[in-house]
Amino acid sequence: MPIAVDIDVMLAKRKMSVGELAERVGITPANLAVLKNGRAKAVRFSTLAALCEVLECQPGDLLRWETNGAADPTTL
């Protein structure tokens, strides 16, 4: 997937555990793990906002778009 999730980077910078973040955001550690490991198909804006509030960061600190090389115009 071209969207990479950097929650683990922010957790390390904030010296916070996954369990603590999940509790403070109000989601289960299992759901946070799905998001953190890039297996989520979607994320609610309210969850993203809560993550940003707790981690004191911007959405772009948690999510980034990665290219897989040059796009093939015939597949667009």
N, C-alpha and C. Protein backbone atom coordinates (compact mmCIF):
# COMPACT_ATOMS: atom_id res chain seq x y z
N MET A 1 0.84 -1.18 0.00
CA MET A 1 0.00 0.00 0.00
C MET A 1 0.88 1.24 0.00
N PRO A 2 0.52 2.25 -0.74
CA PRO A 2 1.38 3.43 -0.84
C PRO A 2 1.33 4.36 0.38
N ILE A 3 0.45 4.09 1.36
CA ILE A 3 0.40 4.91 2.57
C ILE A 3 1.17 4.18 3.67
N ALA A 4 2.21 4.84 4.19
CA ALA A 4 3.01 4.27 5.28
C ALA A 4 2.59 4.93 6.58
N VAL A 5 2.57 4.15 7.65
CA VAL A 5 2.16 4.62 8.97
C VAL A 5 3.38 4.68 9.87
N ASP A 6 3.62 5.84 10.45
CA ASP A 6 4.81 6.06 11.29
C ASP A 6 4.46 6.27 12.77
N ILE A 7 3.42 5.59 13.24
CA ILE A 7 3.05 5.73 14.64
C ILE A 7 4.18 5.26 15.55
N ASP A 8 4.86 4.19 15.15
CA ASP A 8 5.96 3.68 15.98
C ASP A 8 7.09 4.71 16.14
N VAL A 9 7.32 5.51 15.11
CA VAL A 9 8.33 6.57 15.18
C VAL A 9 7.94 7.60 16.24
N MET A 10 6.67 8.01 16.20
CA MET A 10 6.20 9.01 17.17
C MET A 10 6.17 8.43 18.58
N LEU A 11 5.83 7.14 18.71
CA LEU A 11 5.85 6.51 20.03
C LEU A 11 7.26 6.54 20.61
N ALA A 12 8.25 6.25 19.79
CA ALA A 12 9.64 6.27 20.25
C ALA A 12 10.06 7.68 20.65
N LYS A 13 9.68 8.67 19.84
CA LYS A 13 10.04 10.05 20.15
C LYS A 13 9.40 10.51 21.45
N ARG A 14 8.19 10.04 21.73
CA ARG A 14 7.46 10.46 22.93
C ARG A 14 7.72 9.53 24.12
N LYS A 15 8.52 8.46 23.86
CA LYS A 15 8.81 7.46 24.90
C LYS A 15 7.52 6.95 25.55
N MET A 16 6.61 6.51 24.67
CA MET A 16 5.29 6.06 25.09
C MET A 16 5.06 4.64 24.59
N SER A 17 4.38 3.83 25.36
CA SER A 17 4.09 2.46 24.94
C SER A 17 2.81 2.42 24.11
N VAL A 18 2.65 1.33 23.37
CA VAL A 18 1.44 1.14 22.57
C VAL A 18 0.23 1.08 23.50
N GLY A 19 0.36 0.40 24.61
CA GLY A 19 -0.75 0.29 25.56
C GLY A 19 -1.17 1.63 26.12
N GLU A 20 -0.19 2.46 26.47
CA GLU A 20 -0.50 3.79 26.99
C GLU A 20 -1.20 4.64 25.94
N LEU A 21 -0.69 4.59 24.70
CA LEU A 21 -1.30 5.37 23.62
C LEU A 21 -2.73 4.91 23.38
N ALA A 22 -2.93 3.60 23.31
CA ALA A 22 -4.28 3.06 23.07
C ALA A 22 -5.25 3.52 24.16
N GLU A 23 -4.80 3.46 25.41
CA GLU A 23 -5.66 3.88 26.52
C GLU A 23 -5.99 5.37 26.43
N ARG A 24 -5.00 6.19 26.15
CA ARG A 24 -5.22 7.63 26.09
C ARG A 24 -6.07 8.05 24.90
N VAL A 25 -5.96 7.31 23.78
CA VAL A 25 -6.74 7.62 22.58
C VAL A 25 -8.16 7.05 22.69
N GLY A 26 -8.30 5.95 23.44
CA GLY A 26 -9.62 5.34 23.60
C GLY A 26 -9.91 4.25 22.59
N ILE A 27 -8.87 3.55 22.13
CA ILE A 27 -9.05 2.40 21.24
C ILE A 27 -8.34 1.21 21.86
N THR A 28 -8.66 0.02 21.36
CA THR A 28 -8.03 -1.17 21.91
C THR A 28 -6.59 -1.28 21.41
N PRO A 29 -5.73 -1.90 22.20
CA PRO A 29 -4.35 -2.12 21.73
C PRO A 29 -4.32 -2.93 20.43
N ALA A 30 -5.26 -3.86 20.25
CA ALA A 30 -5.31 -4.65 19.02
C ALA A 30 -5.61 -3.77 17.81
N ASN A 31 -6.58 -2.85 17.95
CA ASN A 31 -6.91 -1.95 16.84
C ASN A 31 -5.77 -0.99 16.56
N LEU A 32 -5.08 -0.54 17.59
CA LEU A 32 -3.93 0.33 17.39
C LEU A 32 -2.83 -0.43 16.66
N ALA A 33 -2.63 -1.70 17.00
CA ALA A 33 -1.61 -2.51 16.33
C ALA A 33 -1.93 -2.67 14.85
N VAL A 34 -3.20 -2.87 14.52
CA VAL A 34 -3.61 -2.98 13.11
C VAL A 34 -3.26 -1.70 12.36
N LEU A 35 -3.55 -0.58 12.97
CA LEU A 35 -3.23 0.71 12.35
C LEU A 35 -1.72 0.92 12.27
N LYS A 36 -1.03 0.66 13.36
CA LYS A 36 0.41 0.89 13.45
C LYS A 36 1.18 0.04 12.44
N ASN A 37 0.71 -1.17 12.21
CA ASN A 37 1.40 -2.08 11.30
C ASN A 37 0.98 -1.93 9.84
N GLY A 38 0.15 -0.93 9.55
CA GLY A 38 -0.23 -0.65 8.17
C GLY A 38 -1.25 -1.63 7.61
N ARG A 39 -1.96 -2.36 8.45
CA ARG A 39 -2.94 -3.33 7.98
C ARG A 39 -4.36 -2.77 7.94
N ALA A 40 -4.55 -1.54 8.42
CA ALA A 40 -5.89 -0.93 8.43
C ALA A 40 -6.28 -0.50 7.02
N LYS A 41 -7.54 -0.66 6.71
CA LYS A 41 -8.06 -0.23 5.41
C LYS A 41 -8.55 1.21 5.47
N ALA A 42 -8.81 1.70 6.68
CA ALA A 42 -9.32 3.06 6.86
C ALA A 42 -9.00 3.51 8.28
N VAL A 43 -9.06 4.82 8.48
CA VAL A 43 -8.92 5.37 9.82
C VAL A 43 -9.91 6.53 9.94
N ARG A 44 -10.62 6.58 11.03
CA ARG A 44 -11.57 7.66 11.26
C ARG A 44 -10.80 8.94 11.56
N PHE A 45 -11.33 10.05 11.08
CA PHE A 45 -10.70 11.34 11.38
C PHE A 45 -10.67 11.59 12.87
N SER A 46 -11.69 11.14 13.59
CA SER A 46 -11.71 11.35 15.04
C SER A 46 -10.57 10.57 15.71
N THR A 47 -10.26 9.38 15.20
CA THR A 47 -9.13 8.61 15.74
C THR A 47 -7.82 9.27 15.39
N LEU A 48 -7.70 9.74 14.16
CA LEU A 48 -6.48 10.43 13.74
C LEU A 48 -6.28 11.70 14.57
N ALA A 49 -7.35 12.43 14.81
CA ALA A 49 -7.27 13.65 15.62
C ALA A 49 -6.84 13.32 17.05
N ALA A 50 -7.39 12.24 17.61
CA ALA A 50 -7.03 11.84 18.97
C ALA A 50 -5.56 11.42 19.04
N LEU A 51 -5.09 10.69 18.04
CA LEU A 51 -3.68 10.30 17.98
C LEU A 51 -2.78 11.54 17.94
N CYS A 52 -3.16 12.49 17.11
CA CYS A 52 -2.37 13.72 16.99
C CYS A 52 -2.37 14.52 18.29
N GLU A 53 -3.52 14.55 18.95
CA GLU A 53 -3.61 15.30 20.21
C GLU A 53 -2.72 14.66 21.28
N VAL A 54 -2.82 13.34 21.42
CA VAL A 54 -2.04 12.64 22.46
C VAL A 54 -0.55 12.69 22.15
N LEU A 55 -0.19 12.51 20.87
CA LEU A 55 1.22 12.49 20.48
C LEU A 55 1.78 13.89 20.20
N GLU A 56 0.91 14.90 20.27
CA GLU A 56 1.30 16.28 20.00
C GLU A 56 2.04 16.39 18.66
N CYS A 57 1.33 15.98 17.61
CA CYS A 57 1.93 15.99 16.27
C CYS A 57 0.86 16.34 15.24
N GLN A 58 1.26 16.37 13.99
CA GLN A 58 0.38 16.62 12.86
C GLN A 58 0.09 15.29 12.16
N PRO A 59 -1.03 15.18 11.41
CA PRO A 59 -1.32 13.95 10.68
C PRO A 59 -0.16 13.51 9.77
N GLY A 60 0.53 14.45 9.18
CA GLY A 60 1.67 14.12 8.32
C GLY A 60 2.84 13.51 9.06
N ASP A 61 2.87 13.64 10.38
CA ASP A 61 3.89 12.97 11.18
C ASP A 61 3.58 11.49 11.35
N LEU A 62 2.32 11.12 11.15
CA LEU A 62 1.88 9.74 11.35
C LEU A 62 1.67 9.00 10.04
N LEU A 63 1.30 9.72 8.99
CA LEU A 63 0.99 9.10 7.70
C LEU A 63 1.81 9.76 6.60
N ARG A 64 2.31 8.93 5.68
CA ARG A 64 3.01 9.49 4.52
C ARG A 64 2.76 8.61 3.31
N TRP A 65 2.81 9.24 2.17
CA TRP A 65 2.58 8.54 0.91
C TRP A 65 3.92 8.13 0.33
N GLU A 66 4.03 6.87 -0.07
CA GLU A 66 5.26 6.36 -0.68
C GLU A 66 4.96 5.96 -2.12
N THR A 67 5.86 6.31 -2.99
CA THR A 67 5.70 5.87 -4.38
C THR A 67 6.39 4.53 -4.55
N ASN A 68 5.89 3.76 -5.47
CA ASN A 68 6.50 2.47 -5.79
C ASN A 68 7.23 2.55 -7.12
N GLY A 69 7.86 3.68 -7.37
CA GLY A 69 8.52 3.90 -8.65
C GLY A 69 7.65 4.79 -9.52
N ALA A 70 8.04 4.95 -10.75
CA ALA A 70 7.31 5.82 -11.68
C ALA A 70 5.96 5.18 -12.02
N ALA A 71 4.93 5.98 -12.06
CA ALA A 71 3.59 5.49 -12.40
C ALA A 71 3.53 5.17 -13.88
N ASP A 72 2.86 4.08 -14.20
CA ASP A 72 2.65 3.67 -15.59
C ASP A 72 1.37 4.34 -16.07
N PRO A 73 1.46 5.29 -17.04
CA PRO A 73 0.27 6.01 -17.47
C PRO A 73 -0.81 5.13 -18.06
N THR A 74 -0.48 3.91 -18.51
CA THR A 74 -1.49 3.03 -19.09
C THR A 74 -2.35 2.38 -18.02
N THR A 75 -1.92 2.43 -16.76
CA THR A 75 -2.71 1.80 -15.69
C THR A 75 -3.53 2.82 -14.93
N LEU A 76 -3.45 4.09 -15.28
CA LEU A 76 -4.21 5.11 -14.56
C LEU A 76 -5.62 5.17 -14.98
